[in-house]
Protein backbone atom coordinates (compact mmCIF):
# COMPACT_ATOMS: atom_id res chain seq x y z
CA MET A 1 0.07 0.14 -0.02
CA CYS A 2 2.88 2.35 0.98
CA THR A 3 4.50 1.67 -2.32
CA HIS A 4 1.66 2.34 -4.24
CA LYS A 5 1.15 6.05 -2.32
CA TYR A 6 4.80 6.65 -3.17
CA SER A 7 4.42 5.93 -6.77
CA ILE A 8 1.63 8.28 -6.82
CA LEU A 9 3.60 10.95 -5.43
CA LEU A 10 6.25 10.39 -7.41
CA VAL A 11 4.07 10.80 -10.35
CA ILE A 12 2.48 13.74 -9.28
CA LEU A 13 6.10 15.54 -8.29
CA ILE A 14 7.11 14.80 -11.96
CA LEU A 15 3.97 16.46 -13.62
CA PHE A 16 4.57 18.97 -11.12
CA PHE A 17 8.30 19.96 -12.63
CA ILE A 18 7.20 19.28 -15.89
CA THR A 19 4.47 22.06 -15.74
CA LEU A 20 6.78 24.35 -13.95
CA ASN A 21 9.41 23.92 -16.90
CA ASP A 22 6.94 24.71 -19.37
CA CYS A 23 5.52 27.74 -17.28
CA LYS A 24 9.17 29.02 -17.10
CA THR A 25 9.67 28.77 -20.86
CA ALA A 26 6.47 30.58 -21.47
CA LYS A 27 7.23 33.19 -19.17
CA ARG A 28 10.66 33.98 -20.94
CA THR A 29 10.62 37.47 -22.12
CA CYS A 30 9.98 37.84 -25.81
CA LYS A 31 13.64 40.24 -25.71
CA ALA A 32 15.08 36.94 -23.92
CA ARG A 33 14.48 34.95 -26.52
CA ALA A 34 15.40 37.15 -29.17
CA LYS A 35 19.01 36.20 -30.10
CA PHE A 36 19.65 36.73 -33.76
CA GLY A 37 22.67 35.31 -35.21
CA ASP A 38 24.68 36.40 -37.94
CA PRO A 39 22.33 37.66 -40.88
CA PHE A 40 24.98 36.50 -43.76
CA LYS A 41 25.02 32.94 -42.13
CA SER A 42 21.16 33.04 -41.87
CA GLU A 43 18.80 30.22 -43.86
CA TYR A 44 16.30 32.66 -44.78
CA ILE A 45 15.94 35.57 -47.36
CA LEU A 46 13.17 38.01 -47.56
CA PRO A 47 9.90 36.75 -48.35
CA PHE A 48 9.66 39.07 -51.05
CA PRO A 49 11.26 39.57 -54.73
CA VAL A 50 14.82 40.54 -55.04
CA GLY A 51 15.05 44.43 -56.07
CA LYS A 52 12.03 44.91 -54.06
CA ARG A 53 11.94 47.21 -51.19
CA TYR A 54 9.27 47.55 -48.44
CA VAL A 55 8.98 49.00 -45.20
CA CYS A 56 9.38 46.49 -41.92
CA SER A 57 5.84 47.93 -40.78
CA GLN A 58 6.32 46.27 -37.17
CA SER A 59 9.75 44.36 -35.74
CA TYR A 60 9.65 41.21 -33.20
CA CYS A 61 8.48 41.90 -29.42
CA ASN A 62 6.58 45.23 -29.97
CA PRO A 63 5.00 46.12 -27.06
CA ASN A 64 2.29 48.19 -28.48
CA GLY A 65 1.36 46.08 -31.08
CA GLY A 66 0.40 42.51 -31.96
CA HIS A 67 3.99 41.32 -31.61
CA LYS A 68 4.21 41.82 -27.93
CA ASN A 69 5.54 38.38 -27.36
CA GLN A 70 6.31 37.28 -30.90
CA LEU A 71 9.71 37.06 -32.56
CA ALA A 72 7.73 37.85 -36.08
CA TYR A 73 8.01 40.46 -38.84
CA ASP A 74 5.19 42.73 -40.71
CA PHE A 75 6.52 43.99 -44.14
CA ALA A 76 4.12 46.50 -45.58
CA LEU A 77 3.36 44.75 -48.64
CA LEU A 78 0.35 45.79 -50.96
CA ILE A 79 -2.46 43.61 -52.01
CA GLY A 80 -1.53 41.63 -54.80
CA ASP A 81 2.30 41.49 -54.31
CA SER A 82 4.26 38.84 -54.62
CA VAL A 83 5.09 36.80 -51.42
CA LEU A 84 8.16 34.10 -51.80
CA ALA A 85 9.33 31.08 -49.87
CA ALA A 86 11.94 32.67 -47.20
CA ARG A 87 13.54 29.00 -47.02
CA SER A 88 12.76 25.56 -48.89
CA GLY A 89 10.23 23.15 -47.23
CA VAL A 90 7.35 21.31 -47.52
CA VAL A 91 3.82 22.93 -47.19
CA THR A 92 2.00 21.48 -44.14
CA GLU A 93 -1.24 23.79 -44.08
CA ILE A 94 -2.84 26.48 -46.04
CA LYS A 95 -6.11 28.55 -45.51
CA GLN A 96 -6.97 31.13 -48.37
CA ASP A 97 -10.78 31.33 -48.30
CA GLN A 98 -10.78 34.33 -46.18
CA PRO A 99 -12.05 37.95 -47.95
CA ASP A 100 -9.40 40.71 -47.98
CA THR A 101 -11.81 43.56 -47.01
CA PRO A 102 -13.93 41.95 -44.16
CA LYS A 103 -16.73 43.83 -42.74
CA ASP A 104 -15.74 42.83 -39.12
CA GLU A 105 -11.97 41.75 -38.95
CA THR A 106 -12.75 40.37 -35.35
CA LEU A 107 -14.97 37.51 -36.97
CA VAL A 108 -12.70 36.36 -39.35
CA THR A 109 -9.30 34.55 -39.64
CA HIS A 110 -6.25 35.29 -42.12
CA ASN A 111 -5.17 33.21 -45.06
CA TYR A 112 -2.28 31.66 -44.52
CA ILE A 113 0.50 29.19 -45.31
CA MET A 114 2.87 27.05 -43.21
CA ILE A 115 6.16 25.42 -44.48
CA GLU A 116 7.94 23.12 -42.66
CA HIS A 117 11.81 23.11 -43.14
CA VAL A 118 14.62 20.38 -43.07
CA ASP A 119 15.45 20.97 -38.91
CA GLY A 120 11.57 21.02 -38.13
CA SER A 121 11.20 24.36 -37.67
CA VAL A 122 7.82 25.94 -39.58
CA ALA A 123 7.70 29.27 -41.01
CA PHE A 124 4.16 31.51 -41.05
CA TYR A 125 2.96 33.35 -43.63
CA ALA A 126 -0.28 35.44 -43.07
CA HIS A 127 -2.58 37.89 -44.25
CA LEU A 128 -2.58 36.76 -47.58
CA LYS A 129 -4.68 37.35 -50.66
CA GLN A 130 -8.19 35.67 -50.70
CA ASN A 131 -7.41 32.47 -53.15
CA SER A 132 -4.13 33.48 -54.32
CA ILE A 133 -1.94 30.37 -52.59
CA ARG A 134 -0.09 28.69 -55.32
CA ILE A 135 0.75 25.28 -53.31
CA LYS A 136 -0.87 22.58 -51.42
CA PRO A 137 -0.03 20.62 -48.50
CA GLY A 138 2.29 18.11 -49.19
CA ASP A 139 4.26 20.31 -52.01
CA THR A 140 7.99 20.72 -51.82
CA VAL A 141 8.98 24.46 -52.33
CA GLU A 142 12.18 25.90 -53.27
CA GLN A 143 13.63 28.99 -51.65
CA GLY A 144 12.59 32.15 -53.80
CA GLU A 145 9.55 30.19 -54.97
CA LEU A 146 6.26 32.35 -55.36
CA ILE A 147 3.94 30.91 -53.18
CA ALA A 148 1.16 33.19 -52.79
CA LEU A 149 -0.08 36.82 -52.95
CA SER A 150 -0.20 39.30 -50.21
CA GLY A 151 -3.30 40.59 -49.07
CA ASN A 152 -5.48 42.15 -46.34
CA SER A 153 -7.21 38.72 -44.99
CA GLY A 154 -8.26 38.42 -40.78
CA TYR A 155 -7.04 41.04 -38.39
CA THR A 156 -4.97 43.89 -40.10
CA ALA A 157 -6.36 47.07 -38.65
CA ASN A 158 -7.02 47.54 -42.26
CA PHE A 159 -3.22 48.19 -43.16
CA PRO A 160 -2.14 45.51 -46.03
CA HIS A 161 0.84 43.54 -44.92
CA LEU A 162 2.75 40.21 -44.70
CA HIS A 163 3.17 38.76 -41.58
CA PHE A 164 6.23 36.52 -41.18
CA GLY A 165 7.33 34.24 -38.26
CA VAL A 166 9.33 31.08 -37.57
CA TYR A 167 8.53 28.31 -35.00
CA LYS A 168 10.29 25.45 -33.56
CA SER A 169 7.79 22.90 -34.73
CA TYR A 170 4.17 21.97 -36.24
CA PRO A 171 2.10 23.20 -35.20
CA PRO A 172 3.35 26.39 -34.08
CA VAL A 173 2.95 27.68 -30.34
CA GLU A 174 3.71 31.33 -29.14
CA THR A 175 6.74 31.50 -26.87
CA LYS A 176 8.29 28.82 -29.28
CA ASP A 177 9.24 30.85 -31.87
CA VAL A 178 12.67 31.46 -33.61
CA PRO A 179 14.70 34.59 -34.19
CA VAL A 180 15.11 35.11 -37.63
CA ASN A 181 17.03 37.72 -40.09
CA PHE A 182 17.60 37.64 -43.60
CA ARG A 183 20.95 37.02 -45.54
CA ASN A 184 20.01 39.19 -48.56
CA ALA A 185 18.02 42.48 -46.54
CA ASP A 186 19.53 45.43 -47.41
CA GLY A 187 18.85 47.55 -44.42
CA PRO A 188 19.79 48.79 -40.66
CA LEU A 189 19.88 45.98 -37.86
CA ASP A 190 19.18 46.68 -34.33
CA GLU A 191 21.45 45.70 -31.58
CA ASN A 192 20.44 42.13 -31.65
CA ASN A 193 20.95 41.80 -35.55
CA GLY A 194 16.97 41.67 -35.82
CA LEU A 195 15.10 44.10 -38.35
CA ILE A 196 13.85 47.44 -37.20
CA ALA A 197 10.28 48.73 -37.18
CA ASP A 198 9.49 51.58 -39.84
CA LYS A 199 12.97 51.17 -41.64
CA TRP A 200 12.99 50.14 -45.44
CA TYR A 201 14.33 46.88 -46.48
CA LYS A 202 15.50 45.90 -49.94
CA ALA A 203 15.95 42.06 -51.21
CA LEU A 204 19.31 42.07 -52.97
CA LYS A 205 20.67 38.85 -54.79
CA TYR A 206 21.42 35.76 -52.73
CA LYS A 207 23.19 32.51 -53.30
């Protein structure tokens, strides 16, 4: 009987420490996770065509915006602008049936693509134009391939843009994201080597 009680207690303790560790991970501040590497060694390119230049309308860990706890970027692409794969991978999920000018943004979700990379990480491209996605789940896409058009679907505050973020695995979980910069981005970087809000970035040729 005592052995049974001790076994139950041990299970409870294990579950407690697992939960505590998960809570600690979740409570890590966005800035603490924002450890960007050398951009010239990045696996990623900007998700728009070479030669194009756009404003980073929202950067990572923005305390006054939608990226309070996200290592994500918004690029001010217009409706109908080309969206490219920032890294090669396999398409895991898409959604493209939502309108670009919803009457009530709170009632609809955005159109998006998720692409899994060879290391298990997943890129998330959101607010895409309705019915513009050129790929389907299971497809293999190459870096720089046209995958969709930018749109204004979902909650955008009626400001068309492309939301881009990378997560450690599929399905994506907030706080389990990956700090990403781009090896072909011509533009200023902050002290963490991340992109800066309200600055312009041009996509350069890449190898």
